[in-house]
Amino acid sequence: MSFFSRMFGSKKADESAAGSASKEARAETVAHFKEFIASRNGCEAFVEPPTRVTQTTMVVVADTGEWTRRRVPDPVTARKLAKQLGVPAFDVNLSGYPSRMREWNEKRRKQL
C-alpha cells in the first residue's frame, strides 16, 4: 500500500463508487427532464456556464414560464442532452433567460 493510499484511501474503491453514483445521478437527471418536458408544452433548454460556486447547469423552461434546473457535466453534454430530449438549447450568456420565466417567478412570489 502506498503512502497516498494510506493517507487518502483506496482510489479504485472511490472511483467505482463515484462512477456508479454519477451514472445514477445522470439517469435521475435525464428522467427528471424527460418527465418535465413530457408534461409541459413548448420547452426550451438554457445552458448555464460554471461559476466558482456551481458547475454547469441546464434550465428547462416551459411555455408557461415554469422551469427546472439540474447540474450537467459540461456545456457539450447539456447540448447533447437537449437534442436527445428534442428541445432547442440556448447559451444563457448569449440569449438570456426568457421573460416568461421571470414572469412565472414573480407570479409565484406573489402567491407565497
N, C-alpha and C. Protein backbone atom coordinates (compact mmCIF):
# COMPACT_ATOMS: atom_id res chain seq x y z
N MET A 1 0.86 -1.17 0.00
CA MET A 1 0.00 0.00 0.00
C MET A 1 0.90 1.23 0.00
N SER A 2 0.63 2.16 -0.89
CA SER A 2 1.45 3.36 -0.99
C SER A 2 1.07 4.37 0.09
N PHE A 3 1.95 5.33 0.25
CA PHE A 3 1.73 6.39 1.23
C PHE A 3 0.42 7.13 0.96
N PHE A 4 0.18 7.47 -0.32
CA PHE A 4 -1.02 8.23 -0.66
C PHE A 4 -2.28 7.41 -0.46
N SER A 5 -2.21 6.12 -0.71
CA SER A 5 -3.38 5.26 -0.48
C SER A 5 -3.73 5.23 1.00
N ARG A 6 -2.72 5.18 1.83
CA ARG A 6 -2.98 5.19 3.27
C ARG A 6 -3.52 6.53 3.72
N MET A 7 -3.01 7.62 3.12
CA MET A 7 -3.45 8.95 3.51
C MET A 7 -4.87 9.27 3.02
N PHE A 8 -5.14 8.91 1.77
CA PHE A 8 -6.37 9.35 1.14
C PHE A 8 -7.32 8.21 0.79
N GLY A 9 -7.03 7.01 1.17
CA GLY A 9 -7.91 5.88 0.89
C GLY A 9 -7.63 5.27 -0.46
N SER A 10 -8.29 4.19 -0.70
CA SER A 10 -8.11 3.47 -1.96
C SER A 10 -8.78 4.22 -3.09
N LYS A 11 -8.02 4.55 -4.09
CA LYS A 11 -8.54 5.30 -5.22
C LYS A 11 -9.52 4.47 -6.04
N LYS A 12 -9.23 3.17 -6.21
CA LYS A 12 -10.10 2.32 -7.01
C LYS A 12 -11.49 2.21 -6.39
N ALA A 13 -11.57 2.06 -5.10
CA ALA A 13 -12.87 1.97 -4.43
C ALA A 13 -13.63 3.28 -4.60
N ASP A 14 -12.93 4.39 -4.45
CA ASP A 14 -13.57 5.70 -4.61
C ASP A 14 -14.06 5.90 -6.03
N GLU A 15 -13.25 5.50 -7.02
CA GLU A 15 -13.63 5.68 -8.42
C GLU A 15 -14.85 4.85 -8.78
N SER A 16 -14.89 3.59 -8.33
CA SER A 16 -16.03 2.75 -8.68
C SER A 16 -17.29 3.26 -8.00
N ALA A 17 -17.19 3.73 -6.78
CA ALA A 17 -18.35 4.29 -6.09
C ALA A 17 -18.81 5.57 -6.78
N ALA A 18 -17.86 6.41 -7.15
CA ALA A 18 -18.21 7.66 -7.83
C ALA A 18 -18.80 7.38 -9.20
N GLY A 19 -18.28 6.36 -9.88
CA GLY A 19 -18.79 6.01 -11.21
C GLY A 19 -20.23 5.57 -11.16
N SER A 20 -20.57 4.72 -10.21
CA SER A 20 -21.95 4.26 -10.10
C SER A 20 -22.86 5.39 -9.64
N ALA A 21 -22.35 6.24 -8.75
CA ALA A 21 -23.15 7.38 -8.29
C ALA A 21 -23.40 8.35 -9.44
N SER A 22 -22.39 8.58 -10.27
CA SER A 22 -22.58 9.53 -11.37
C SER A 22 -23.52 8.94 -12.42
N LYS A 23 -23.48 7.64 -12.62
CA LYS A 23 -24.43 7.01 -13.56
C LYS A 23 -25.85 7.14 -13.03
N GLU A 24 -26.01 6.94 -11.74
CA GLU A 24 -27.33 7.09 -11.13
C GLU A 24 -27.80 8.54 -11.21
N ALA A 25 -26.89 9.46 -10.93
CA ALA A 25 -27.23 10.88 -10.98
C ALA A 25 -27.62 11.29 -12.39
N ARG A 26 -26.87 10.78 -13.37
CA ARG A 26 -27.19 11.09 -14.77
C ARG A 26 -28.57 10.55 -15.14
N ALA A 27 -28.83 9.31 -14.74
CA ALA A 27 -30.13 8.70 -15.04
C ALA A 27 -31.26 9.48 -14.38
N GLU A 28 -31.05 9.93 -13.15
CA GLU A 28 -32.07 10.71 -12.45
C GLU A 28 -32.30 12.06 -13.14
N THR A 29 -31.22 12.69 -13.58
CA THR A 29 -31.33 13.97 -14.27
C THR A 29 -32.10 13.81 -15.58
N VAL A 30 -31.73 12.81 -16.35
CA VAL A 30 -32.41 12.56 -17.64
C VAL A 30 -33.88 12.25 -17.39
N ALA A 31 -34.18 11.40 -16.42
CA ALA A 31 -35.57 11.04 -16.11
C ALA A 31 -36.36 12.28 -15.67
N HIS A 32 -35.75 13.13 -14.86
CA HIS A 32 -36.43 14.34 -14.40
C HIS A 32 -36.76 15.26 -15.57
N PHE A 33 -35.78 15.50 -16.43
CA PHE A 33 -36.02 16.36 -17.58
C PHE A 33 -37.07 15.75 -18.52
N LYS A 34 -37.01 14.45 -18.75
CA LYS A 34 -37.99 13.79 -19.63
C LYS A 34 -39.40 13.97 -19.09
N GLU A 35 -39.57 13.76 -17.79
CA GLU A 35 -40.89 13.90 -17.18
C GLU A 35 -41.37 15.34 -17.29
N PHE A 36 -40.49 16.29 -17.02
CA PHE A 36 -40.85 17.71 -17.09
C PHE A 36 -41.28 18.07 -18.51
N ILE A 37 -40.51 17.67 -19.49
CA ILE A 37 -40.79 18.01 -20.89
C ILE A 37 -42.06 17.32 -21.38
N ALA A 38 -42.25 16.07 -20.97
CA ALA A 38 -43.44 15.32 -21.40
C ALA A 38 -44.73 15.91 -20.84
N SER A 39 -44.65 16.52 -19.67
CA SER A 39 -45.85 17.02 -19.03
C SER A 39 -46.12 18.51 -19.28
N ARG A 40 -45.27 19.15 -20.08
CA ARG A 40 -45.44 20.58 -20.36
C ARG A 40 -45.19 20.86 -21.83
N ASN A 41 -45.79 21.93 -22.34
CA ASN A 41 -45.64 22.30 -23.74
C ASN A 41 -44.55 23.35 -23.93
N GLY A 42 -43.99 23.38 -25.13
CA GLY A 42 -43.09 24.45 -25.53
C GLY A 42 -41.82 24.60 -24.72
N CYS A 43 -41.20 23.49 -24.34
CA CYS A 43 -39.99 23.55 -23.52
C CYS A 43 -38.75 23.92 -24.33
N GLU A 44 -37.88 24.68 -23.69
CA GLU A 44 -36.59 25.05 -24.25
C GLU A 44 -35.54 24.89 -23.15
N ALA A 45 -34.32 24.54 -23.57
CA ALA A 45 -33.22 24.37 -22.61
C ALA A 45 -32.28 25.57 -22.67
N PHE A 46 -31.80 25.97 -21.51
CA PHE A 46 -30.84 27.07 -21.41
C PHE A 46 -29.64 26.56 -20.62
N VAL A 47 -28.47 26.62 -21.25
CA VAL A 47 -27.24 26.11 -20.65
C VAL A 47 -26.57 27.25 -19.89
N GLU A 48 -26.35 27.01 -18.59
CA GLU A 48 -25.71 28.00 -17.73
C GLU A 48 -24.25 27.59 -17.51
N PRO A 49 -23.32 28.52 -17.68
CA PRO A 49 -21.90 28.18 -17.53
C PRO A 49 -21.54 27.92 -16.07
N PRO A 50 -20.42 27.24 -15.86
CA PRO A 50 -19.99 27.03 -14.47
C PRO A 50 -19.53 28.34 -13.85
N THR A 51 -19.64 28.41 -12.54
CA THR A 51 -19.16 29.56 -11.78
C THR A 51 -18.20 29.05 -10.72
N ARG A 52 -17.73 29.94 -9.88
CA ARG A 52 -16.86 29.49 -8.78
C ARG A 52 -17.61 28.61 -7.79
N VAL A 53 -18.91 28.77 -7.74
CA VAL A 53 -19.72 28.08 -6.75
C VAL A 53 -20.44 26.85 -7.32
N THR A 54 -20.85 26.91 -8.58
CA THR A 54 -21.62 25.82 -9.18
C THR A 54 -20.98 25.32 -10.45
N GLN A 55 -21.30 24.08 -10.79
CA GLN A 55 -20.83 23.56 -12.06
C GLN A 55 -21.85 23.93 -13.14
N THR A 56 -21.63 23.48 -14.35
CA THR A 56 -22.54 23.76 -15.46
C THR A 56 -23.92 23.22 -15.12
N THR A 57 -24.95 24.01 -15.43
CA THR A 57 -26.32 23.57 -15.21
C THR A 57 -27.14 23.80 -16.47
N MET A 58 -28.26 23.09 -16.54
CA MET A 58 -29.20 23.27 -17.65
C MET A 58 -30.56 23.56 -17.05
N VAL A 59 -31.18 24.62 -17.55
CA VAL A 59 -32.52 25.01 -17.12
C VAL A 59 -33.46 24.70 -18.27
N VAL A 60 -34.55 23.99 -17.98
CA VAL A 60 -35.58 23.75 -18.99
C VAL A 60 -36.79 24.60 -18.61
N VAL A 61 -37.23 25.43 -19.57
CA VAL A 61 -38.33 26.36 -19.34
C VAL A 61 -39.50 25.99 -20.24
N ALA A 62 -40.68 25.84 -19.64
CA ALA A 62 -41.90 25.55 -20.40
C ALA A 62 -42.48 26.84 -20.95
N ASP A 63 -43.49 26.72 -21.84
CA ASP A 63 -44.09 27.93 -22.41
C ASP A 63 -44.87 28.74 -21.38
N THR A 64 -45.21 28.14 -20.25
CA THR A 64 -45.88 28.87 -19.17
C THR A 64 -44.90 29.67 -18.33
N GLY A 65 -43.61 29.38 -18.47
CA GLY A 65 -42.59 30.03 -17.67
C GLY A 65 -42.09 29.14 -16.55
N GLU A 66 -42.82 28.06 -16.26
CA GLU A 66 -42.37 27.13 -15.23
C GLU A 66 -41.03 26.54 -15.66
N TRP A 67 -40.14 26.33 -14.71
CA TRP A 67 -38.80 25.88 -15.07
C TRP A 67 -38.24 24.90 -14.05
N THR A 68 -37.19 24.20 -14.48
CA THR A 68 -36.46 23.29 -13.60
C THR A 68 -34.99 23.36 -13.98
N ARG A 69 -34.12 23.13 -13.00
CA ARG A 69 -32.67 23.23 -13.21
C ARG A 69 -32.00 21.99 -12.64
N ARG A 70 -31.01 21.48 -13.38
CA ARG A 70 -30.21 20.35 -12.91
C ARG A 70 -28.77 20.55 -13.36
N ARG A 71 -27.85 19.99 -12.56
CA ARG A 71 -26.43 20.04 -12.93
C ARG A 71 -26.17 19.08 -14.08
N VAL A 72 -25.23 19.46 -14.93
CA VAL A 72 -24.75 18.62 -16.03
C VAL A 72 -23.24 18.71 -16.04
N PRO A 73 -22.56 17.72 -16.60
CA PRO A 73 -21.10 17.73 -16.56
C PRO A 73 -20.44 18.92 -17.26
N ASP A 74 -20.98 19.30 -18.43
CA ASP A 74 -20.38 20.39 -19.19
C ASP A 74 -21.36 20.87 -20.26
N PRO A 75 -21.07 22.00 -20.92
CA PRO A 75 -21.98 22.53 -21.93
C PRO A 75 -22.22 21.58 -23.12
N VAL A 76 -21.21 20.85 -23.51
CA VAL A 76 -21.36 19.92 -24.64
C VAL A 76 -22.37 18.83 -24.28
N THR A 77 -22.25 18.29 -23.09
CA THR A 77 -23.20 17.27 -22.62
C THR A 77 -24.60 17.85 -22.52
N ALA A 78 -24.72 19.08 -22.06
CA ALA A 78 -26.04 19.72 -21.95
C ALA A 78 -26.70 19.84 -23.32
N ARG A 79 -25.93 20.24 -24.32
CA ARG A 79 -26.48 20.36 -25.67
C ARG A 79 -26.89 19.00 -26.23
N LYS A 80 -26.07 17.99 -25.98
CA LYS A 80 -26.41 16.63 -26.42
C LYS A 80 -27.68 16.14 -25.75
N LEU A 81 -27.81 16.42 -24.46
CA LEU A 81 -28.99 16.01 -23.72
C LEU A 81 -30.23 16.72 -24.25
N ALA A 82 -30.12 18.01 -24.51
CA ALA A 82 -31.25 18.76 -25.06
C ALA A 82 -31.67 18.18 -26.41
N LYS A 83 -30.70 17.85 -27.23
CA LYS A 83 -31.00 17.25 -28.54
C LYS A 83 -31.69 15.90 -28.36
N GLN A 84 -31.18 15.10 -27.42
CA GLN A 84 -31.77 13.79 -27.12
C GLN A 84 -33.22 13.95 -26.65
N LEU A 85 -33.48 15.00 -25.88
CA LEU A 85 -34.82 15.25 -25.35
C LEU A 85 -35.73 15.94 -26.35
N GLY A 86 -35.16 16.40 -27.46
CA GLY A 86 -35.96 17.02 -28.51
C GLY A 86 -36.35 18.46 -28.24
N VAL A 87 -35.52 19.17 -27.49
CA VAL A 87 -35.80 20.58 -27.21
C VAL A 87 -34.63 21.44 -27.69
N PRO A 88 -34.90 22.66 -28.13
CA PRO A 88 -33.80 23.54 -28.54
C PRO A 88 -32.98 23.97 -27.32
N ALA A 89 -31.69 24.16 -27.53
CA ALA A 89 -30.79 24.58 -26.45
C ALA A 89 -30.19 25.93 -26.78
N PHE A 90 -30.10 26.78 -25.78
CA PHE A 90 -29.55 28.12 -25.93
C PHE A 90 -28.49 28.35 -24.86
N ASP A 91 -27.49 29.15 -25.20
CA ASP A 91 -26.48 29.57 -24.23
C ASP A 91 -27.05 30.78 -23.51
N VAL A 92 -27.24 30.65 -22.20
CA VAL A 92 -27.89 31.72 -21.45
C VAL A 92 -27.07 33.02 -21.48
N ASN A 93 -25.76 32.92 -21.66
CA ASN A 93 -24.93 34.14 -21.76
C ASN A 93 -25.23 34.91 -23.04
N LEU A 94 -25.66 34.22 -24.08
CA LEU A 94 -25.96 34.88 -25.35
C LEU A 94 -27.42 35.28 -25.47
N SER A 95 -28.31 34.43 -24.99
CA SER A 95 -29.74 34.69 -25.18
C SER A 95 -30.41 35.31 -23.96
N GLY A 96 -29.85 35.08 -22.78
CA GLY A 96 -30.53 35.49 -21.56
C GLY A 96 -31.66 34.53 -21.25
N TYR A 97 -32.34 34.77 -20.13
CA TYR A 97 -33.48 33.94 -19.76
C TYR A 97 -34.73 34.50 -20.44
N PRO A 98 -35.68 33.63 -20.76
CA PRO A 98 -36.91 34.14 -21.39
C PRO A 98 -37.74 34.94 -20.38
N SER A 99 -38.42 35.95 -20.87
CA SER A 99 -39.22 36.81 -19.99
C SER A 99 -40.33 36.02 -19.29
N ARG A 100 -40.84 34.97 -19.95
CA ARG A 100 -41.90 34.18 -19.34
C ARG A 100 -41.42 33.50 -18.05
N MET A 101 -40.13 33.21 -17.97
CA MET A 101 -39.57 32.61 -16.75
C MET A 101 -39.59 33.62 -15.61
N ARG A 102 -39.18 34.85 -15.89
CA ARG A 102 -39.21 35.91 -14.87
C ARG A 102 -40.65 36.20 -14.43
N GLU A 103 -41.56 36.22 -15.39
CA GLU A 103 -42.97 36.47 -15.07
C GLU A 103 -43.53 35.36 -14.19
N TRP A 104 -43.20 34.11 -14.48
CA TRP A 104 -43.66 32.98 -13.68
C TRP A 104 -43.10 33.08 -12.26
N ASN A 105 -41.81 33.43 -12.15
CA ASN A 105 -41.20 33.59 -10.82
C ASN A 105 -41.90 34.69 -10.03
N GLU A 106 -42.20 35.80 -10.67
CA GLU A 106 -42.86 36.91 -9.99
C GLU A 106 -44.26 36.51 -9.53
N LYS A 107 -44.99 35.82 -10.38
CA LYS A 107 -46.33 35.36 -10.02
C LYS A 107 -46.28 34.41 -8.82
N ARG A 108 -45.32 33.52 -8.81
CA ARG A 108 -45.15 32.56 -7.70
C ARG A 108 -44.80 33.30 -6.40
N ARG A 109 -43.95 34.31 -6.50
CA ARG A 109 -43.55 35.08 -5.32
C ARG A 109 -44.76 35.76 -4.69
N LYS A 110 -45.63 36.28 -5.53
CA LYS A 110 -46.82 36.98 -5.02
C LYS A 110 -47.79 36.00 -4.38
N GLN A 111 -47.85 34.77 -4.88
CA GLN A 111 -48.74 33.76 -4.32
C GLN A 111 -48.29 33.29 -2.94
N LEU A 112 -47.00 33.30 -2.72
CA LEU A 112 -46.46 32.83 -1.44
C LEU A 112 -46.51 33.95 -0.47
